[in-house]
Amino acid sequence: MKRVKDVFSIHDFEQEYNLENEEYDMRNINVSVSNVSLMYNLSREREERLKEYIINMLKKKLYFDPFWALKNVSFQMSPGDSLGIVGQNGAGKSTLLKLISGIMKPTKGKIYTRGVIAPMVELGGGFDPGMSAKQNVFFMGAMHGFSKKYMQERYEEIIEFAELADFADVPVQKFSSGMTSKLAFALATIVNPDIVVADEALAVGDMNFRLKCEKRLQDIVAKGATILFVSHSLEQVQKVCAKALWLEHGEMMMYGDSKEVCGAYKQFMIDKRIAAEVE
């Protein structure tokens, strides 16, 4: 069966590297991020009304300051690799995942991905609140290019994993945020993805469900998939991921073994808190 996203996604990568070159043999690469930067334009003044904004725009009196959310981020991931991304709020973690998922495009640099991507950047995003859980399963499957037969074969497993057997015919708008996230996680990870992009995806449900999610991610990695995982839980990052990337103000502070990176980041936060208390 052909899947819509079961294709190469190359942003000018072939222009940068020769894919036949052994040094950049992309047959063993699922994700490549090369000197990626992203800039936002921040308005210096806040227009309260749309009319004021349009007038200032026509008069060319709108002034912006550049804000670099990411600066020269680079790394590569092969099948079976798992990377945890850590850092403070606003460090650029979620932004990086959105770039890799194709939701946004970088201002500079190149991104290469290969295979089916299961994006869990905003769990529950895309669901139709007026539809039942069952209807949303087939709706989201169709949106991602999967046939009705394919989704029928996996429907029971999705609902069982999400622990929603008694709520399958209930509109999603009546679900709690936890129930919605459970359904989204089960749906995103049932389709045998090549790349999983997860933003705080394990911060859902009770402890037993989180452990079940961790086990599923570990099983996906064992089958050769690549996982990028953002979490404020250093314990989860070390449990799920072999490597870690620490971002600070959009820049790479450290990249390597997850225990070493998480240890360094934890000590940085401790030192920062002590310095604040002294002041």
Foldseek 3Di string as FASTA:
>chain_A
DDWPQQFKDWDCVVVVDPCVDPVNVCVFFAKWWFQFKAKDWAWPDDDPDPVVVVVCVVVVNTHTDIAILAGGDTDIDGFLAEEEEDEDPSLNQLVVLCCQVVVDDTPDTIMIGHGFELEASDQLPPADQQFFLQVRLQVVCVVRGHDPVVSVVCVVVLCVLLVCPVRRRPGNVPPDPQSSLSSRLSSSLPPLTQEYEHECSLVHDDPVSSVVSLVSLQVSSVVGHYYYYYDNDLVSRLSRHQKYFYGGSNYTPDIGGSVVVSVVVVVVVVVVVVVVVVD
